[in-house]
Amino acid sequence: MKNFLLFIISFVLLFVILQTASGMIITALSPAAVGDAWSQSAVLPQETTVSGSIFTPVITLLTGLIAAAAAYFIQKKSFRETNDVR
């Protein structure tokens, strides 16, 4: 049970950290043109639509895989060290 809890906690923390970091990187790489947006705001519809890139699911899957692999190695290393102490 300890193995499972350590894995889940590590996975969730790493996933949140990697998702936040990738979101910050994607946001930094695609700056908004505020001047153009402001001048076109009068003709835009009042409804908001959210659309994503084709890479969005790929980035989510990739960060999930990296987080799962790192959590697995953290869990294995942690319990290997506790078994060596005995």
PDB file of N, CA and C in Angstrom:
ATOM      1  N   MET A   1       0.828  -1.192   0.000  1.00  0.00           N
ATOM      2  CA  MET A   1       0.000   0.000   0.000  1.00  0.00           C
ATOM      3  C   MET A   1       0.874   1.258   0.000  1.00  0.00           C
ATOM      4  N   LYS A   2       2.008   1.202   0.719  1.00  0.00           N
ATOM      5  CA  LYS A   2       2.909   2.355   0.732  1.00  0.00           C
ATOM      6  C   LYS A   2       3.450   2.631  -0.667  1.00  0.00           C
ATOM      7  N   ASN A   3       3.775   1.545  -1.387  1.00  0.00           N
ATOM      8  CA  ASN A   3       4.283   1.712  -2.753  1.00  0.00           C
ATOM      9  C   ASN A   3       3.266   2.451  -3.614  1.00  0.00           C
ATOM     10  N   PHE A   4       2.017   2.037  -3.505  1.00  0.00           N
ATOM     11  CA  PHE A   4       0.962   2.634  -4.316  1.00  0.00           C
ATOM     12  C   PHE A   4       0.759   4.104  -3.962  1.00  0.00           C
ATOM     13  N   LEU A   5       0.704   4.418  -2.687  1.00  0.00           N
ATOM     14  CA  LEU A   5       0.504   5.801  -2.259  1.00  0.00           C
ATOM     15  C   LEU A   5       1.661   6.692  -2.693  1.00  0.00           C
ATOM     16  N   LEU A   6       2.875   6.209  -2.552  1.00  0.00           N
ATOM     17  CA  LEU A   6       4.037   6.996  -2.975  1.00  0.00           C
ATOM     18  C   LEU A   6       4.002   7.231  -4.478  1.00  0.00           C
ATOM     19  N   PHE A   7       3.632   6.197  -5.232  1.00  0.00           N
ATOM     20  CA  PHE A   7       3.550   6.341  -6.680  1.00  0.00           C
ATOM     21  C   PHE A   7       2.482   7.365  -7.067  1.00  0.00           C
ATOM     22  N   ILE A   8       1.300   7.263  -6.485  1.00  0.00           N
ATOM     23  CA  ILE A   8       0.205   8.166  -6.836  1.00  0.00           C
ATOM     24  C   ILE A   8       0.540   9.610  -6.476  1.00  0.00           C
ATOM     25  N   ILE A   9       1.085   9.817  -5.278  1.00  0.00           N
ATOM     26  CA  ILE A   9       1.446  11.175  -4.861  1.00  0.00           C
ATOM     27  C   ILE A   9       2.531  11.750  -5.760  1.00  0.00           C
ATOM     28  N   SER A  10       3.547  10.948  -6.054  1.00  0.00           N
ATOM     29  CA  SER A  10       4.622  11.405  -6.944  1.00  0.00           C
ATOM     30  C   SER A  10       4.085  11.709  -8.332  1.00  0.00           C
ATOM     31  N   PHE A  11       3.220  10.835  -8.836  1.00  0.00           N
ATOM     32  CA  PHE A  11       2.666  11.034 -10.173  1.00  0.00           C
ATOM     33  C   PHE A  11       1.855  12.314 -10.251  1.00  0.00           C
ATOM     34  N   VAL A  12       0.978  12.527  -9.297  1.00  0.00           N
ATOM     35  CA  VAL A  12       0.125  13.722  -9.330  1.00  0.00           C
ATOM     36  C   VAL A  12       0.962  14.991  -9.245  1.00  0.00           C
ATOM     37  N   LEU A  13       1.926  15.024  -8.332  1.00  0.00           N
ATOM     38  CA  LEU A  13       2.773  16.214  -8.197  1.00  0.00           C
ATOM     39  C   LEU A  13       3.587  16.474  -9.462  1.00  0.00           C
ATOM     40  N   LEU A  14       4.205  15.432  -9.990  1.00  0.00           N
ATOM     41  CA  LEU A  14       5.006  15.604 -11.199  1.00  0.00           C
ATOM     42  C   LEU A  14       4.136  15.998 -12.390  1.00  0.00           C
ATOM     43  N   PHE A  15       2.949  15.423 -12.498  1.00  0.00           N
ATOM     44  CA  PHE A  15       2.056  15.756 -13.604  1.00  0.00           C
ATOM     45  C   PHE A  15       1.643  17.219 -13.545  1.00  0.00           C
ATOM     46  N   VAL A  16       1.301  17.694 -12.364  1.00  0.00           N
ATOM     47  CA  VAL A  16       0.896  19.098 -12.216  1.00  0.00           C
ATOM     48  C   VAL A  16       2.067  20.023 -12.543  1.00  0.00           C
ATOM     49  N   ILE A  17       3.246  19.693 -12.067  1.00  0.00           N
ATOM     50  CA  ILE A  17       4.425  20.521 -12.332  1.00  0.00           C
ATOM     51  C   ILE A  17       4.745  20.547 -13.831  1.00  0.00           C
ATOM     52  N   LEU A  18       4.731  19.381 -14.470  1.00  0.00           N
ATOM     53  CA  LEU A  18       5.043  19.329 -15.903  1.00  0.00           C
ATOM     54  C   LEU A  18       3.971  20.010 -16.745  1.00  0.00           C
ATOM     55  N   GLN A  19       2.703  19.860 -16.386  1.00  0.00           N
ATOM     56  CA  GLN A  19       1.639  20.533 -17.123  1.00  0.00           C
ATOM     57  C   GLN A  19       1.756  22.054 -16.996  1.00  0.00           C
ATOM     58  N   THR A  20       2.065  22.524 -15.792  1.00  0.00           N
ATOM     59  CA  THR A  20       2.227  23.958 -15.580  1.00  0.00           C
ATOM     60  C   THR A  20       3.420  24.492 -16.374  1.00  0.00           C
ATOM     61  N   ALA A  21       4.520  23.761 -16.331  1.00  0.00           N
ATOM     62  CA  ALA A  21       5.718  24.196 -17.064  1.00  0.00           C
ATOM     63  C   ALA A  21       5.472  24.204 -18.570  1.00  0.00           C
ATOM     64  N   SER A  22       4.825  23.163 -19.091  1.00  0.00           N
ATOM     65  CA  SER A  22       4.574  23.140 -20.531  1.00  0.00           C
ATOM     66  C   SER A  22       3.593  24.240 -20.935  1.00  0.00           C
ATOM     67  N   GLY A  23       2.618  24.539 -20.095  1.00  0.00           N
ATOM     68  CA  GLY A  23       1.697  25.638 -20.377  1.00  0.00           C
ATOM     69  C   GLY A  23       2.398  26.974 -20.410  1.00  0.00           C
ATOM     70  N   MET A  24       3.339  27.161 -19.490  1.00  0.00           N
ATOM     71  CA  MET A  24       4.099  28.417 -19.467  1.00  0.00           C
ATOM     72  C   MET A  24       4.976  28.543 -20.705  1.00  0.00           C
ATOM     73  N   ILE A  25       5.577  27.438 -21.122  1.00  0.00           N
ATOM     74  CA  ILE A  25       6.441  27.463 -22.312  1.00  0.00           C
ATOM     75  C   ILE A  25       5.610  27.742 -23.561  1.00  0.00           C
ATOM     76  N   ILE A  26       4.464  27.073 -23.687  1.00  0.00           N
ATOM     77  CA  ILE A  26       3.613  27.292 -24.858  1.00  0.00           C
ATOM     78  C   ILE A  26       3.107  28.725 -24.897  1.00  0.00           C
ATOM     79  N   THR A  27       2.735  29.270 -23.752  1.00  0.00           N
ATOM     80  CA  THR A  27       2.262  30.647 -23.691  1.00  0.00           C
ATOM     81  C   THR A  27       3.369  31.620 -24.066  1.00  0.00           C
ATOM     82  N   ALA A  28       4.584  31.350 -23.601  1.00  0.00           N
ATOM     83  CA  ALA A  28       5.701  32.238 -23.915  1.00  0.00           C
ATOM     84  C   ALA A  28       6.069  32.188 -25.399  1.00  0.00           C
ATOM     85  N   LEU A  29       5.870  31.035 -26.036  1.00  0.00           N
ATOM     86  CA  LEU A  29       6.234  30.894 -27.445  1.00  0.00           C
ATOM     87  C   LEU A  29       5.199  31.481 -28.399  1.00  0.00           C
ATOM     88  N   SER A  30       4.006  31.738 -27.938  1.00  0.00           N
ATOM     89  CA  SER A  30       2.982  32.310 -28.825  1.00  0.00           C
ATOM     90  C   SER A  30       2.402  33.573 -28.202  1.00  0.00           C
ATOM     91  N   PRO A  31       3.149  34.686 -28.272  1.00  0.00           N
ATOM     92  CA  PRO A  31       2.656  35.930 -27.681  1.00  0.00           C
ATOM     93  C   PRO A  31       1.458  36.478 -28.452  1.00  0.00           C
ATOM     94  N   ALA A  32       0.574  37.105 -27.727  1.00  0.00           N
ATOM     95  CA  ALA A  32      -0.621  37.687 -28.343  1.00  0.00           C
ATOM     96  C   ALA A  32      -0.310  39.071 -28.888  1.00  0.00           C
ATOM     97  N   ALA A  33      -0.939  39.397 -29.989  1.00  0.00           N
ATOM     98  CA  ALA A  33      -0.819  40.730 -30.566  1.00  0.00           C
ATOM     99  C   ALA A  33      -1.977  41.553 -30.003  1.00  0.00           C
ATOM    100  N   VAL A  34      -1.734  42.251 -28.916  1.00  0.00           N
ATOM    101  CA  VAL A  34      -2.785  42.963 -28.208  1.00  0.00           C
ATOM    102  C   VAL A  34      -3.350  44.096 -29.048  1.00  0.00           C
ATOM    103  N   GLY A  35      -2.532  44.797 -29.780  1.00  0.00           N
ATOM    104  CA  GLY A  35      -3.003  45.904 -30.604  1.00  0.00           C
ATOM    105  C   GLY A  35      -3.985  45.442 -31.671  1.00  0.00           C
ATOM    106  N   ASP A  36      -3.664  44.339 -32.337  1.00  0.00           N
ATOM    107  CA  ASP A  36      -4.566  43.805 -33.365  1.00  0.00           C
ATOM    108  C   ASP A  36      -5.863  43.306 -32.743  1.00  0.00           C
ATOM    109  N   ALA A  37      -5.763  42.666 -31.621  1.00  0.00           N
ATOM    110  CA  ALA A  37      -6.961  42.149 -30.956  1.00  0.00           C
ATOM    111  C   ALA A  37      -7.877  43.287 -30.536  1.00  0.00           C
ATOM    112  N   TRP A  38      -7.307  44.349 -30.038  1.00  0.00           N
ATOM    113  CA  TRP A  38      -8.122  45.486 -29.580  1.00  0.00           C
ATOM    114  C   TRP A  38      -8.826  46.160 -30.762  1.00  0.00           C
ATOM    115  N   SER A  39      -8.140  46.305 -31.885  1.00  0.00           N
ATOM    116  CA  SER A  39      -8.764  46.966 -33.036  1.00  0.00           C
ATOM    117  C   SER A  39      -9.839  46.101 -33.689  1.00  0.00           C
ATOM    118  N   GLN A  40      -9.755  44.800 -33.552  1.00  0.00           N
ATOM    119  CA  GLN A  40     -10.738  43.899 -34.140  1.00  0.00           C
ATOM    120  C   GLN A  40     -11.849  43.508 -33.174  1.00  0.00           C
ATOM    121  N   SER A  41     -11.801  43.972 -31.955  1.00  0.00           N
ATOM    122  CA  SER A  41     -12.761  43.529 -30.944  1.00  0.00           C
ATOM    123  C   SER A  41     -14.193  43.948 -31.253  1.00  0.00           C
ATOM    124  N   ALA A  42     -14.388  45.013 -32.000  1.00  0.00           N
ATOM    125  CA  ALA A  42     -15.744  45.476 -32.295  1.00  0.00           C
ATOM    126  C   ALA A  42     -16.469  44.540 -33.252  1.00  0.00           C
ATOM    127  N   VAL A  43     -15.735  43.864 -34.128  1.00  0.00           N
ATOM    128  CA  VAL A  43     -16.380  43.003 -35.120  1.00  0.00           C
ATOM    129  C   VAL A  43     -16.420  41.535 -34.702  1.00  0.00           C
ATOM    130  N   LEU A  44     -15.817  41.197 -33.592  1.00  0.00           N
ATOM    131  CA  LEU A  44     -15.794  39.807 -33.146  1.00  0.00           C
ATOM    132  C   LEU A  44     -17.106  39.424 -32.485  1.00  0.00           C
ATOM    133  N   PRO A  45     -17.489  38.151 -32.557  1.00  0.00           N
ATOM    134  CA  PRO A  45     -18.716  37.720 -31.891  1.00  0.00           C
ATOM    135  C   PRO A  45     -18.564  37.781 -30.368  1.00  0.00           C
ATOM    136  N   GLN A  46     -19.691  37.867 -29.678  1.00  0.00           N
ATOM    137  CA  GLN A  46     -19.672  37.974 -28.223  1.00  0.00           C
ATOM    138  C   GLN A  46     -19.479  36.621 -27.533  1.00  0.00           C
ATOM    139  N   GLU A  47     -19.528  35.546 -28.290  1.00  0.00           N
ATOM    140  CA  GLU A  47     -19.362  34.210 -27.723  1.00  0.00           C
ATOM    141  C   GLU A  47     -17.884  33.847 -27.699  1.00  0.00           C
ATOM    142  N   THR A  48     -17.531  33.105 -26.693  1.00  0.00           N
ATOM    143  CA  THR A  48     -16.154  32.649 -26.567  1.00  0.00           C
ATOM    144  C   THR A  48     -16.077  31.188 -26.982  1.00  0.00           C
ATOM    145  N   THR A  49     -15.171  30.894 -27.865  1.00  0.00           N
ATOM    146  CA  THR A  49     -14.938  29.502 -28.255  1.00  0.00           C
ATOM    147  C   THR A  49     -13.509  29.146 -27.898  1.00  0.00           C
ATOM    148  N   VAL A  50     -13.349  27.976 -27.353  1.00  0.00           N
ATOM    149  CA  VAL A  50     -12.023  27.501 -26.975  1.00  0.00           C
ATOM    150  C   VAL A  50     -11.615  26.438 -27.972  1.00  0.00           C
ATOM    151  N   SER A  51     -10.497  26.644 -28.600  1.00  0.00           N
ATOM    152  CA  SER A  51      -9.991  25.658 -29.545  1.00  0.00           C
ATOM    153  C   SER A  51      -8.542  25.377 -29.205  1.00  0.00           C
ATOM    154  N   GLY A  52      -8.143  24.179 -29.448  1.00  0.00           N
ATOM    155  CA  GLY A  52      -6.787  23.794 -29.116  1.00  0.00           C
ATOM    156  C   GLY A  52      -5.993  23.420 -30.352  1.00  0.00           C
ATOM    157  N   SER A  53      -4.754  23.228 -30.135  1.00  0.00           N
ATOM    158  CA  SER A  53      -3.856  22.815 -31.199  1.00  0.00           C
ATOM    159  C   SER A  53      -3.930  21.300 -31.343  1.00  0.00           C
ATOM    160  N   ILE A  54      -3.440  20.799 -32.447  1.00  0.00           N
ATOM    161  CA  ILE A  54      -3.373  19.353 -32.623  1.00  0.00           C
ATOM    162  C   ILE A  54      -2.337  18.743 -31.683  1.00  0.00           C
ATOM    163  N   PHE A  55      -1.411  19.576 -31.198  1.00  0.00           N
ATOM    164  CA  PHE A  55      -0.362  19.087 -30.315  1.00  0.00           C
ATOM    165  C   PHE A  55      -0.791  19.033 -28.852  1.00  0.00           C
ATOM    166  N   THR A  56      -1.938  19.584 -28.508  1.00  0.00           N
ATOM    167  CA  THR A  56      -2.388  19.603 -27.122  1.00  0.00           C
ATOM    168  C   THR A  56      -2.521  18.204 -26.530  1.00  0.00           C
ATOM    169  N   PRO A  57      -3.196  17.251 -27.198  1.00  0.00           N
ATOM    170  CA  PRO A  57      -3.264  15.900 -26.623  1.00  0.00           C
ATOM    171  C   PRO A  57      -1.897  15.217 -26.568  1.00  0.00           C
ATOM    172  N   VAL A  58      -1.051  15.524 -27.535  1.00  0.00           N
ATOM    173  CA  VAL A  58       0.284  14.921 -27.553  1.00  0.00           C
ATOM    174  C   VAL A  58       1.101  15.425 -26.364  1.00  0.00           C
ATOM    175  N   ILE A  59       1.016  16.719 -26.084  1.00  0.00           N
ATOM    176  CA  ILE A  59       1.751  17.291 -24.954  1.00  0.00           C
ATOM    177  C   ILE A  59       1.226  16.727 -23.646  1.00  0.00           C
ATOM    178  N   THR A  60      -0.089  16.587 -23.515  1.00  0.00           N
ATOM    179  CA  THR A  60      -0.670  16.020 -22.303  1.00  0.00           C
ATOM    180  C   THR A  60      -0.230  14.574 -22.113  1.00  0.00           C
ATOM    181  N   LEU A  61      -0.269  13.792 -23.180  1.00  0.00           N
ATOM    182  CA  LEU A  61       0.164  12.395 -23.099  1.00  0.00           C
ATOM    183  C   LEU A  61       1.643  12.299 -22.757  1.00  0.00           C
ATOM    184  N   LEU A  62       2.448  13.140 -23.373  1.00  0.00           N
ATOM    185  CA  LEU A  62       3.888  13.115 -23.125  1.00  0.00           C
ATOM    186  C   LEU A  62       4.212  13.490 -21.677  1.00  0.00           C
ATOM    187  N   THR A  63       3.568  14.533 -21.154  1.00  0.00           N
ATOM    188  CA  THR A  63       3.827  14.908 -19.759  1.00  0.00           C
ATOM    189  C   THR A  63       3.315  13.833 -18.808  1.00  0.00           C
ATOM    190  N   GLY A  64       2.225  13.177 -19.161  1.00  0.00           N
ATOM    191  CA  GLY A  64       1.730  12.070 -18.332  1.00  0.00           C
ATOM    192  C   GLY A  64       2.703  10.902 -18.304  1.00  0.00           C
ATOM    193  N   LEU A  65       3.258  10.561 -19.454  1.00  0.00           N
ATOM    194  CA  LEU A  65       4.226   9.467 -19.516  1.00  0.00           C
ATOM    195  C   LEU A  65       5.509   9.795 -18.753  1.00  0.00           C
ATOM    196  N   ILE A  66       5.985  11.016 -18.901  1.00  0.00           N
ATOM    197  CA  ILE A  66       7.192  11.423 -18.178  1.00  0.00           C
ATOM    198  C   ILE A  66       6.934  11.412 -16.670  1.00  0.00           C
ATOM    199  N   ALA A  67       5.777  11.926 -16.265  1.00  0.00           N
ATOM    200  CA  ALA A  67       5.442  11.946 -14.841  1.00  0.00           C
ATOM    201  C   ALA A  67       5.305  10.533 -14.288  1.00  0.00           C
ATOM    202  N   ALA A  68       4.687   9.630 -15.043  1.00  0.00           N
ATOM    203  CA  ALA A  68       4.519   8.251 -14.582  1.00  0.00           C
ATOM    204  C   ALA A  68       5.875   7.546 -14.462  1.00  0.00           C
ATOM    205  N   ALA A  69       6.738   7.749 -15.443  1.00  0.00           N
ATOM    206  CA  ALA A  69       8.061   7.121 -15.389  1.00  0.00           C
ATOM    207  C   ALA A  69       8.871   7.656 -14.212  1.00  0.00           C
ATOM    208  N   ALA A  70       8.843   8.960 -14.016  1.00  0.00           N
ATOM    209  CA  ALA A  70       9.592   9.544 -12.899  1.00  0.00           C
ATOM    210  C   ALA A  70       9.018   9.087 -11.568  1.00  0.00           C
ATOM    211  N   ALA A  71       7.696   9.017 -11.446  1.00  0.00           N
ATOM    212  CA  ALA A  71       7.077   8.553 -10.203  1.00  0.00           C
ATOM    213  C   ALA A  71       7.430   7.105  -9.929  1.00  0.00           C
ATOM    214  N   TYR A  72       7.500   6.283 -10.969  1.00  0.00           N
ATOM    215  CA  TYR A  72       7.882   4.876 -10.812  1.00  0.00           C
ATOM    216  C   TYR A  72       9.305   4.763 -10.277  1.00  0.00           C
ATOM    217  N   PHE A  73      10.224   5.544 -10.845  1.00  0.00           N
ATOM    218  CA  PHE A  73      11.611   5.474 -10.385  1.00  0.00           C
ATOM    219  C   PHE A  73      11.775   6.050  -8.986  1.00  0.00           C
ATOM    220  N   ILE A  74      11.007   7.075  -8.647  1.00  0.00           N
ATOM    221  CA  ILE A  74      11.038   7.618  -7.283  1.00  0.00           C
ATOM    222  C   ILE A  74      10.565   6.562  -6.296  1.00  0.00           C
ATOM    223  N   GLN A  75       9.474   5.886  -6.633  1.00  0.00           N
ATOM    224  CA  GLN A  75       8.920   4.845  -5.762  1.00  0.00           C
ATOM    225  C   GLN A  75       9.902   3.690  -5.618  1.00  0.00           C
ATOM    226  N   LYS A  76      10.516   3.245  -6.702  1.00  0.00           N
ATOM    227  CA  LYS A  76      11.481   2.141  -6.645  1.00  0.00           C
ATOM    228  C   LYS A  76      12.711   2.533  -5.832  1.00  0.00           C
ATOM    229  N   LYS A  77      13.225   3.742  -6.035  1.00  0.00           N
ATOM    230  CA  LYS A  77      14.419   4.181  -5.313  1.00  0.00           C
ATOM    231  C   LYS A  77      14.121   4.329  -3.828  1.00  0.00           C
ATOM    232  N   SER A  78      12.962   4.873  -3.500  1.00  0.00           N
ATOM    233  CA  SER A  78      12.600   5.086  -2.105  1.00  0.00           C
ATOM    234  C   SER A  78      12.511   3.775  -1.348  1.00  0.00           C
ATOM    235  N   PHE A  79      11.868   2.775  -1.939  1.00  0.00           N
ATOM    236  CA  PHE A  79      11.705   1.520  -1.233  1.00  0.00           C
ATOM    237  C   PHE A  79      12.942   0.639  -1.312  1.00  0.00           C
ATOM    238  N   ARG A  80      13.820   0.853  -2.269  1.00  0.00           N
ATOM    239  CA  ARG A  80      15.079   0.135  -2.293  1.00  0.00           C
ATOM    240  C   ARG A  80      15.955   0.604  -1.147  1.00  0.00           C
ATOM    241  N   GLU A  81      15.953   1.922  -0.876  1.00  0.00           N
ATOM    242  CA  GLU A  81      16.740   2.460   0.223  1.00  0.00           C
ATOM    243  C   GLU A  81      16.200   2.001   1.579  1.00  0.00           C
ATOM    244  N   THR A  82      14.885   1.884   1.725  1.00  0.00           N
ATOM    245  CA  THR A  82      14.326   1.422   3.010  1.00  0.00           C
ATOM    246  C   THR A  82      14.573  -0.056   3.202  1.00  0.00           C
ATOM    247  N   ASN A  83      14.638  -0.836   2.120  1.00  0.00           N
ATOM    248  CA  ASN A  83      14.946  -2.264   2.236  1.00  0.00           C
ATOM    249  C   ASN A  83      16.416  -2.488   2.540  1.00  0.00           C
ATOM    250  N   ASP A  84      17.300  -1.598   2.087  1.00  0.00           N
ATOM    251  CA  ASP A  84      18.727  -1.731   2.368  1.00  0.00           C
ATOM    252  C   ASP A  84      19.053  -1.443   3.818  1.00  0.00           C
ATOM    253  N   VAL A  85      18.224  -0.642   4.491  1.00  0.00           N
ATOM    254  CA  VAL A  85      18.473  -0.267   5.875  1.00  0.00           C
ATOM    255  C   VAL A  85      18.272  -1.448   6.800  1.00  0.00           C
ATOM    256  N   ARG A  86      17.359  -2.320   6.474  1.00  0.00           N
ATOM    257  CA  ARG A  86      17.055  -3.479   7.334  1.00  0.00           C
ATOM    258  C   ARG A  86      18.192  -4.405   7.465  1.00  0.00           C
TER     259      ARG A  86
END
